[in-house]
């Protein structure tokens, strides 16, 4: 039954092999290129003295050999011509990684270096499959991104080949890019001597293909060239299941659970204000005197747990947020304000006000068809997001 499902998923999700080779900008990872890349480091290690005593550093990957150019893992406590190297890790930007993707490179450099069927990183908040290529019984390859929302933690490319093992099982090798703030901080080539059976490969591929069916979450466009990005607009007001302009108190409860507080405040001749306080945010509505008609006025996110427009969260760095919004069209002013684009009060705009204490106030806005202005305001303390406010003027 599992094999039948697997075949069906292959048919639905994967291009024919000929089409894959014809259409892909870059090929899938192969075991041969991993071995060829690792050989250069192995040769250097055999003529150098490690900075540590490998016999005192036995890990699940083998004995650890630390050099100034890389860290290698082998099956003997002393490096020799017979030592089998199982993994190589580099953390220096001066060393070339597989496909010339280096430490310090942006996430886009990584994904552009390999075949990719999922450029928008559609998946879940936890993972997105980049490709899953089943050419069994000869080989199978897959790649995925592991993340916490927009915070990509790891990009992994795996290869399972039968030919490379001489028919004795399949390789279980690959490369892992450890990420932080959208950049590579470490590269690990693993499994250079690992072998697994066909049943394990089938299970791994089945899991990858099932995961690839998930399309509930995507990566927000990110660019170091801010003029490539779109301005803040009405489509940014739908996020985390919330349609900001149209949300009602009942819908908020359905999405966010029972509020910690739900209060009505007399607003004099202007009617009433209703304030719903949830664990991670607060919603404020303006109602008429009869409390029968109302509309949302403000959403304030004050704790991590809810993603706002463009998936911004409490705790995000200013750099990561800056590169999700249009910028680069304006200039710096003497009062510490950067005009990102447009002009406040005159339509679409983006501004950032920088403080001497490493604080930032970022504001983006646009005018609705009914003449009201929507403003997204984010506060950063020591360049980390500490408050998100979305309101209608």
Protein backbone atom coordinates (compact mmCIF):
# COMPACT_ATOMS: atom_id res chain seq x y z
CA UNK A 1 0.00 0.00 0.00
CA UNK A 2 2.81 2.42 0.90
CA UNK A 3 4.59 1.65 -2.36
CA UNK A 4 1.42 2.38 -4.35
CA UNK A 5 0.98 5.69 -2.55
CA UNK A 6 4.62 6.48 -3.13
CA UNK A 7 4.27 5.88 -6.85
CA UNK A 8 1.19 8.08 -6.98
CA UNK A 9 2.97 10.89 -5.17
CA UNK A 10 5.93 10.57 -7.53
CA UNK A 11 3.58 10.94 -10.51
CA UNK A 12 1.86 13.98 -9.01
CA UNK A 13 4.86 15.81 -7.59
CA UNK A 14 7.82 15.11 -9.81
CA UNK A 15 8.75 16.03 -13.34
CA UNK A 16 10.01 13.28 -15.65
CA UNK A 17 13.75 12.84 -15.40
CA UNK A 18 14.30 14.15 -18.93
CA UNK A 19 12.25 17.25 -18.20
CA UNK A 20 14.10 17.76 -14.92
CA UNK A 21 17.44 17.84 -16.69
CA UNK A 22 16.05 20.05 -19.42
CA UNK A 23 14.28 22.64 -17.27
CA UNK A 24 16.40 22.95 -14.12
CA UNK A 25 18.81 25.85 -13.85
CA UNK A 26 21.07 23.82 -11.56
CA UNK A 27 21.26 20.03 -11.09
CA UNK A 28 20.43 17.99 -8.02
CA UNK A 29 23.22 17.10 -5.63
CA UNK A 30 25.31 13.98 -6.40
CA UNK A 31 27.45 11.81 -4.17
CA UNK A 32 30.46 12.18 -6.48
CA UNK A 33 30.63 15.95 -6.07
CA UNK A 34 30.50 15.63 -2.27
CA UNK A 35 33.39 13.15 -2.30
CA UNK A 36 35.42 15.28 -4.70
CA UNK A 37 34.88 18.37 -2.55
CA UNK A 38 35.79 16.54 0.67
CA UNK A 39 38.98 15.04 -0.82
CA UNK A 40 40.61 18.45 -0.93
CA UNK A 41 40.14 18.92 2.82
CA UNK A 42 41.15 15.34 3.59
CA UNK A 43 44.41 15.82 1.68
CA UNK A 44 45.15 19.01 3.61
CA UNK A 45 44.35 17.32 6.91
CA UNK A 46 46.76 14.45 6.27
CA UNK A 47 49.68 16.87 5.98
CA UNK A 48 48.71 19.14 8.88
CA UNK A 49 48.68 18.87 12.64
CA UNK A 50 45.22 19.14 14.27
CA UNK A 51 44.70 21.87 16.85
CA UNK A 52 43.26 19.36 19.32
CA UNK A 53 43.84 15.79 20.47
CA UNK A 54 41.32 13.77 18.41
CA UNK A 55 41.62 10.78 20.76
CA UNK A 56 39.96 12.90 23.45
CA UNK A 57 37.08 13.99 21.21
CA UNK A 58 35.00 10.99 20.16
CA UNK A 59 31.59 12.05 18.79
CA UNK A 60 28.69 10.15 17.15
CA UNK A 61 30.33 11.02 13.80
CA UNK A 62 33.72 9.68 14.86
CA UNK A 63 36.90 11.23 16.18
CA UNK A 64 36.96 14.99 15.80
CA UNK A 65 39.95 16.61 14.06
CA UNK A 66 39.99 20.39 14.40
CA UNK A 67 42.09 22.39 11.92
CA UNK A 68 42.19 26.10 11.21
CA UNK A 69 40.58 25.44 7.82
CA UNK A 70 37.93 22.86 8.76
CA UNK A 71 36.81 20.21 11.24
CA UNK A 72 36.87 16.60 10.06
CA UNK A 73 35.43 13.44 11.60
CA UNK A 74 37.11 10.07 11.13
CA UNK A 75 37.11 6.47 12.38
CA UNK A 76 40.58 6.48 13.98
CA UNK A 77 42.05 8.56 16.83
CA UNK A 78 45.08 9.44 14.67
CA UNK A 79 44.97 10.62 11.07
CA UNK A 80 46.52 8.18 8.59
CA UNK A 81 46.11 7.10 5.00
CA UNK A 82 43.63 4.47 6.23
CA UNK A 83 41.44 6.86 8.23
CA UNK A 84 37.91 6.97 6.82
CA UNK A 85 36.48 10.48 6.94
CA UNK A 86 32.75 10.58 7.56
CA UNK A 87 32.06 14.32 7.68
CA UNK A 88 33.64 17.72 7.02
CA UNK A 89 32.51 21.02 8.60
CA UNK A 90 33.65 24.51 7.62
CA UNK A 91 32.84 27.76 9.41
CA UNK A 92 35.33 30.09 7.71
CA UNK A 93 34.22 32.34 4.86
CA UNK A 94 37.67 31.88 3.33
CA UNK A 95 36.97 28.24 2.44
CA UNK A 96 34.89 27.24 -0.56
CA UNK A 97 31.88 25.04 0.14
CA UNK A 98 30.19 22.68 -2.32
CA UNK A 99 29.15 24.53 -5.49
CA UNK A 100 31.09 27.56 -4.26
CA UNK A 101 28.45 28.38 -1.66
CA UNK A 102 30.40 29.82 1.24
CA UNK A 103 29.92 30.77 4.86
CA UNK A 104 28.48 34.28 4.88
CA UNK A 105 26.47 33.82 1.69
CA UNK A 106 22.79 34.77 1.64
CA UNK A 107 20.06 32.14 1.57
CA UNK A 108 19.29 33.00 -2.06
CA UNK A 109 22.82 31.99 -3.04
CA UNK A 110 22.28 28.57 -1.50
CA UNK A 111 18.94 27.78 -3.14
CA UNK A 112 20.06 29.19 -6.50
CA UNK A 113 23.04 26.81 -6.54
CA UNK A 114 20.82 23.71 -6.62
CA UNK A 115 17.82 22.41 -8.49
CA UNK A 116 14.63 23.78 -6.96
CA UNK A 117 10.97 22.97 -7.57
CA UNK A 118 9.74 25.30 -4.82
CA UNK A 119 11.12 28.85 -5.21
CA UNK A 120 8.50 30.36 -2.86
CA UNK A 121 9.37 27.81 -0.16
CA UNK A 122 5.76 26.74 0.16
CA UNK A 123 5.24 24.34 3.02
CA UNK A 124 4.52 24.71 6.72
CA UNK A 125 5.94 27.06 9.34
CA UNK A 126 8.42 24.31 10.18
CA UNK A 127 9.58 23.03 6.80
CA UNK A 128 9.49 23.31 3.02
CA UNK A 129 10.61 20.67 0.52
CA UNK A 130 12.72 22.07 -2.32
CA UNK A 131 12.73 18.88 -4.38
CA UNK A 132 12.20 15.14 -4.09
CA UNK A 133 13.52 13.18 -7.08
CA UNK A 134 12.80 9.44 -7.13
CA UNK A 135 14.84 7.44 -9.64
CA UNK A 136 14.81 4.25 -7.61
CA UNK A 137 16.13 1.63 -7.60
CA UNK A 138 19.16 3.56 -8.90
CA UNK A 139 18.99 6.72 -6.80
CA UNK A 140 16.89 9.24 -4.89
CA UNK A 141 17.60 12.84 -3.93
CA UNK A 142 15.74 15.36 -1.79
CA UNK A 143 16.18 18.78 -0.25
CA UNK A 144 14.35 20.73 2.41
CA UNK A 145 14.38 23.91 4.45
CA UNK A 146 13.82 23.72 8.21
CA UNK A 147 12.59 26.94 9.77
CA UNK A 148 10.72 28.65 12.58
CA UNK A 149 8.37 30.77 10.52
CA UNK A 150 10.54 33.17 8.50
CA UNK A 151 13.63 32.24 10.52
CA UNK A 152 15.37 29.66 8.37
CA UNK A 153 17.55 27.41 10.53
CA UNK A 154 18.84 24.80 8.11
CA UNK A 155 18.91 23.94 4.41
CA UNK A 156 19.67 20.30 3.68
CA UNK A 157 20.43 18.47 0.42
CA UNK A 158 20.55 14.66 0.58
CA UNK A 159 21.57 11.97 -1.90
CA UNK A 160 20.93 8.22 -1.84
CA UNK A 161 22.79 6.41 -4.63
CA UNK A 162 23.18 2.67 -5.20
CA UNK A 163 25.94 2.83 -7.82
CA UNK A 164 28.37 4.58 -5.45
CA UNK A 165 28.11 1.70 -2.95
CA UNK A 166 28.76 -1.04 -5.49
CA UNK A 167 25.26 -2.33 -4.95
CA UNK A 168 25.66 -2.68 -1.18
CA UNK A 169 22.80 -0.47 -0.06
CA UNK A 170 22.53 3.26 -0.68
CA UNK A 171 24.56 6.29 0.30
CA UNK A 172 23.13 8.47 3.07
CA UNK A 173 25.14 11.58 2.35
CA UNK A 174 24.44 15.24 1.89
CA UNK A 175 25.24 18.80 2.82
CA UNK A 176 23.65 20.92 5.56
CA UNK A 177 23.80 24.71 5.55
CA UNK A 178 23.25 26.12 9.03
CA UNK A 179 21.59 29.52 8.73
CA UNK A 180 21.23 32.62 10.87
CA UNK A 181 19.66 35.92 9.80
CA UNK A 182 19.30 34.60 6.25
CA UNK A 183 23.01 33.83 5.93
CA UNK A 184 25.15 30.69 6.07
CA UNK A 185 27.11 30.32 9.31
CA UNK A 186 28.34 26.73 8.84
CA UNK A 187 28.52 24.07 6.12
CA UNK A 188 28.50 20.38 6.97
CA UNK A 189 29.06 17.60 4.45
CA UNK A 190 27.97 14.39 6.14
CA UNK A 191 27.54 10.66 5.54
CA UNK A 192 30.57 10.16 3.33
CA UNK A 193 30.81 6.55 4.48
CA UNK A 194 27.19 5.90 5.54
CA UNK A 195 25.06 3.15 4.04
CA UNK A 196 21.31 2.48 4.35
CA UNK A 197 18.85 0.00 2.87
CA UNK A 198 16.19 0.49 0.21
CA UNK A 199 13.42 0.34 2.81
CA UNK A 200 14.93 3.32 4.64
CA UNK A 201 15.27 5.28 1.39
CA UNK A 202 11.65 4.54 0.51
CA UNK A 203 10.48 5.79 3.90
CA UNK A 204 12.58 8.95 3.65
CA UNK A 205 11.27 9.72 0.17
CA UNK A 206 7.68 9.02 1.19
CA UNK A 207 8.01 11.48 4.08
CA UNK A 208 9.55 14.13 1.81
CA UNK A 209 6.78 13.76 -0.76
CA UNK A 210 4.01 13.95 1.83
CA UNK A 211 5.63 17.05 3.30
CA UNK A 212 5.81 18.56 -0.20
CA UNK A 213 2.01 18.45 -0.39
CA UNK A 214 1.82 21.00 2.45
CA UNK A 215 1.38 24.50 1.04
CA UNK A 216 0.01 26.49 3.97
CA UNK A 217 3.02 28.77 4.51
CA UNK A 218 5.51 30.59 2.27
CA UNK A 219 8.69 32.56 2.72
CA UNK A 220 8.18 36.32 2.42
CA UNK A 221 10.17 37.87 -0.47
CA UNK A 222 13.54 39.07 0.83
CA UNK A 223 16.09 41.18 -1.01
CA UNK A 224 19.21 43.18 -0.25
CA UNK A 225 18.14 45.40 -3.15
CA UNK A 226 15.13 47.15 -1.62
CA UNK A 227 13.98 48.59 -4.92
CA UNK A 228 13.06 45.07 -6.04
CA UNK A 229 10.45 44.77 -3.28
CA UNK A 230 6.84 45.93 -3.38
CA UNK A 231 5.49 48.78 -1.29
CA UNK A 232 3.34 48.06 1.76
CA UNK A 233 -0.23 47.61 0.46
CA UNK A 234 -3.69 46.17 1.11
CA UNK A 235 -2.58 42.60 0.40
CA UNK A 236 -0.26 42.83 3.41
CA UNK A 237 -3.29 43.23 5.67
CA UNK A 238 -4.17 39.54 5.41
CA UNK A 239 -1.80 37.54 7.64
CA UNK A 240 -1.82 34.69 10.18
CA UNK A 241 -5.45 33.94 9.27
CA UNK A 242 -6.44 37.54 10.05
CA UNK A 243 -8.06 39.88 7.55
CA UNK A 244 -7.21 43.05 9.42
CA UNK A 245 -9.69 45.47 7.87
CA UNK A 246 -12.66 43.12 8.24
CA UNK A 247 -11.93 41.17 11.40
CA UNK A 248 -14.68 41.10 14.06
CA UNK A 249 -14.35 40.37 17.78
CA UNK A 250 -15.96 36.94 17.31
CA UNK A 251 -13.57 36.07 14.48
CA UNK A 252 -10.63 37.14 16.63
CA UNK A 253 -11.75 34.75 19.37
CA UNK A 254 -12.13 31.93 16.85
CA UNK A 255 -8.58 32.54 15.59
CA UNK A 256 -6.75 33.47 18.79
CA UNK A 257 -8.76 31.75 21.50
CA UNK A 258 -10.51 33.27 24.47
CA UNK A 259 -9.06 36.69 25.34
CA UNK A 260 -7.42 37.37 28.68
CA UNK A 261 -9.56 40.52 28.84
CA UNK A 262 -12.50 41.77 26.79
CA UNK A 263 -13.54 45.28 27.83
CA UNK A 264 -15.91 47.99 26.65
CA UNK A 265 -14.82 51.60 27.18
CA UNK A 266 -17.20 54.57 26.87
CA UNK A 267 -15.86 56.90 24.20
CA UNK A 268 -18.31 59.73 24.88
CA UNK A 269 -20.25 61.04 21.90
CA UNK A 270 -18.17 58.86 19.59
CA UNK A 271 -19.67 55.62 20.93
CA UNK A 272 -17.65 52.83 22.50
CA UNK A 273 -14.25 51.24 22.23
CA UNK A 274 -13.88 47.48 22.63
CA UNK A 275 -10.48 46.16 23.70
CA UNK A 276 -9.62 42.47 23.38
CA UNK A 277 -6.38 41.42 25.07
CA UNK A 278 -4.85 38.10 24.00
CA UNK A 279 -1.60 36.44 25.08
CA UNK A 280 0.42 37.90 22.22
CA UNK A 281 -1.62 40.84 20.99
CA UNK A 282 -4.36 43.38 21.60
CA UNK A 283 -7.20 44.30 19.23
CA UNK A 284 -9.10 47.58 19.51
CA UNK A 285 -12.42 48.27 17.78
CA UNK A 286 -14.57 51.40 17.52
CA UNK A 287 -18.34 50.86 17.90
CA UNK A 288 -21.43 53.05 17.68
CA UNK A 289 -23.41 54.09 20.78
CA UNK A 290 -25.65 51.02 20.50
CA UNK A 291 -22.58 48.76 20.27
CA UNK A 292 -24.15 47.07 17.24
CA UNK A 293 -21.82 48.30 14.50
CA UNK A 294 -18.09 48.58 14.69
CA UNK A 295 -14.79 48.28 12.89
CA UNK A 296 -11.24 47.50 13.85
CA UNK A 297 -8.99 50.40 14.73
CA UNK A 298 -5.73 48.85 15.87
CA UNK A 299 -3.81 45.62 16.32
CA UNK A 300 -0.83 45.70 18.67
CA UNK A 301 1.51 42.69 18.85
CA UNK A 302 3.61 42.73 22.01
CA UNK A 303 4.84 39.15 22.41
CA UNK A 304 6.31 36.48 20.14
CA UNK A 305 3.77 33.99 18.88
CA UNK A 306 1.83 35.91 16.24
CA UNK A 307 3.21 36.95 12.87
CA UNK A 308 2.12 40.35 11.59
CA UNK A 309 2.28 41.78 8.06
CA UNK A 310 5.03 40.16 6.00
CA UNK A 311 5.37 37.64 8.84
CA UNK A 312 7.23 40.09 11.12
CA UNK A 313 7.53 38.81 14.70
CA UNK A 314 8.63 40.15 18.02
CA UNK A 315 12.32 39.34 18.28
CA UNK A 316 13.10 39.73 14.57
CA UNK A 317 16.23 41.71 13.82
CA UNK A 318 15.88 45.07 12.16
CA UNK A 319 18.06 43.91 9.25
CA UNK A 320 15.72 40.99 8.47
CA UNK A 321 12.66 43.25 8.57
CA UNK A 322 14.30 46.05 6.58
CA UNK A 323 14.96 43.62 3.73
CA UNK A 324 11.30 42.54 3.53
CA UNK A 325 10.03 46.02 2.68
CA UNK A 326 10.76 48.41 -0.15
CA UNK A 327 13.65 50.76 0.53
CA UNK A 328 16.47 52.67 -1.09
CA UNK A 329 14.53 55.39 -2.88
CA UNK A 330 14.96 58.21 -0.36
CA UNK A 331 17.71 59.85 1.64
CA UNK A 332 18.89 60.27 5.22
CA UNK A 333 17.80 63.45 6.95
CA UNK A 334 19.56 65.41 9.68
CA UNK A 335 17.10 64.28 12.36
CA UNK A 336 18.08 60.62 11.86
CA UNK A 337 15.18 59.74 9.56
CA UNK A 338 15.71 57.56 6.50
CA UNK A 339 13.09 58.06 3.79
CA UNK A 340 12.69 54.53 2.43
CA UNK A 341 10.20 55.48 -0.28
CA UNK A 342 7.38 57.98 -0.90
CA UNK A 343 6.39 60.68 1.57
CA UNK A 344 4.30 60.36 4.73
CA UNK A 345 0.95 62.13 4.32
CA UNK A 346 1.12 61.96 0.54
CA UNK A 347 0.17 58.35 -0.24
CA UNK A 348 2.40 55.28 -0.03
CA UNK A 349 5.41 55.78 2.23
CA UNK A 350 8.11 54.10 4.25
CA UNK A 351 10.36 55.76 6.82
CA UNK A 352 12.81 54.69 9.51
CA UNK A 353 13.84 56.90 12.42
CA UNK A 354 17.13 55.90 14.04
CA UNK A 355 18.03 56.70 17.63
CA UNK A 356 21.48 57.08 19.15
CA UNK A 357 20.70 54.17 21.48
CA UNK A 358 20.41 51.62 18.62
CA UNK A 359 16.63 52.04 18.55
CA UNK A 360 14.57 52.29 15.37
CA UNK A 361 11.01 53.31 14.59
CA UNK A 362 9.94 51.94 11.18
CA UNK A 363 6.70 53.16 9.61
CA UNK A 364 4.97 52.09 6.40
CA UNK A 365 1.61 53.30 5.14
CA UNK A 366 -0.82 53.71 2.26
CA UNK A 367 -4.24 55.25 1.60
CA UNK A 368 -7.36 53.09 1.26
CA UNK A 369 -9.98 53.76 -1.40
CA UNK A 370 -12.23 55.37 1.23
CA UNK A 371 -9.50 57.89 2.09
CA UNK A 372 -8.36 56.34 5.38
CA UNK A 373 -4.68 55.69 5.94
CA UNK A 374 -3.35 52.35 7.16
CA UNK A 375 -0.06 52.51 9.07
CA UNK A 376 2.27 49.71 10.14
CA UNK A 377 4.60 50.89 12.90
CA UNK A 378 7.37 48.73 14.34
CA UNK A 379 9.67 49.53 17.23
CA UNK A 380 13.17 48.09 17.58
CA UNK A 381 15.30 48.17 20.72
CA UNK A 382 19.00 47.40 20.19
CA UNK A 383 17.97 46.50 16.62
CA UNK A 384 15.47 43.84 17.76
CA UNK A 385 11.72 44.13 17.22
CA UNK A 386 9.91 44.83 20.50
CA UNK A 387 6.55 46.11 19.26
CA UNK A 388 4.32 45.90 16.19
CA UNK A 389 1.32 48.17 15.71
CA UNK A 390 -1.10 48.23 12.78
CA UNK A 391 -3.80 50.87 12.78
CA UNK A 392 -6.26 52.81 10.60
CA UNK A 393 -6.37 56.60 10.75
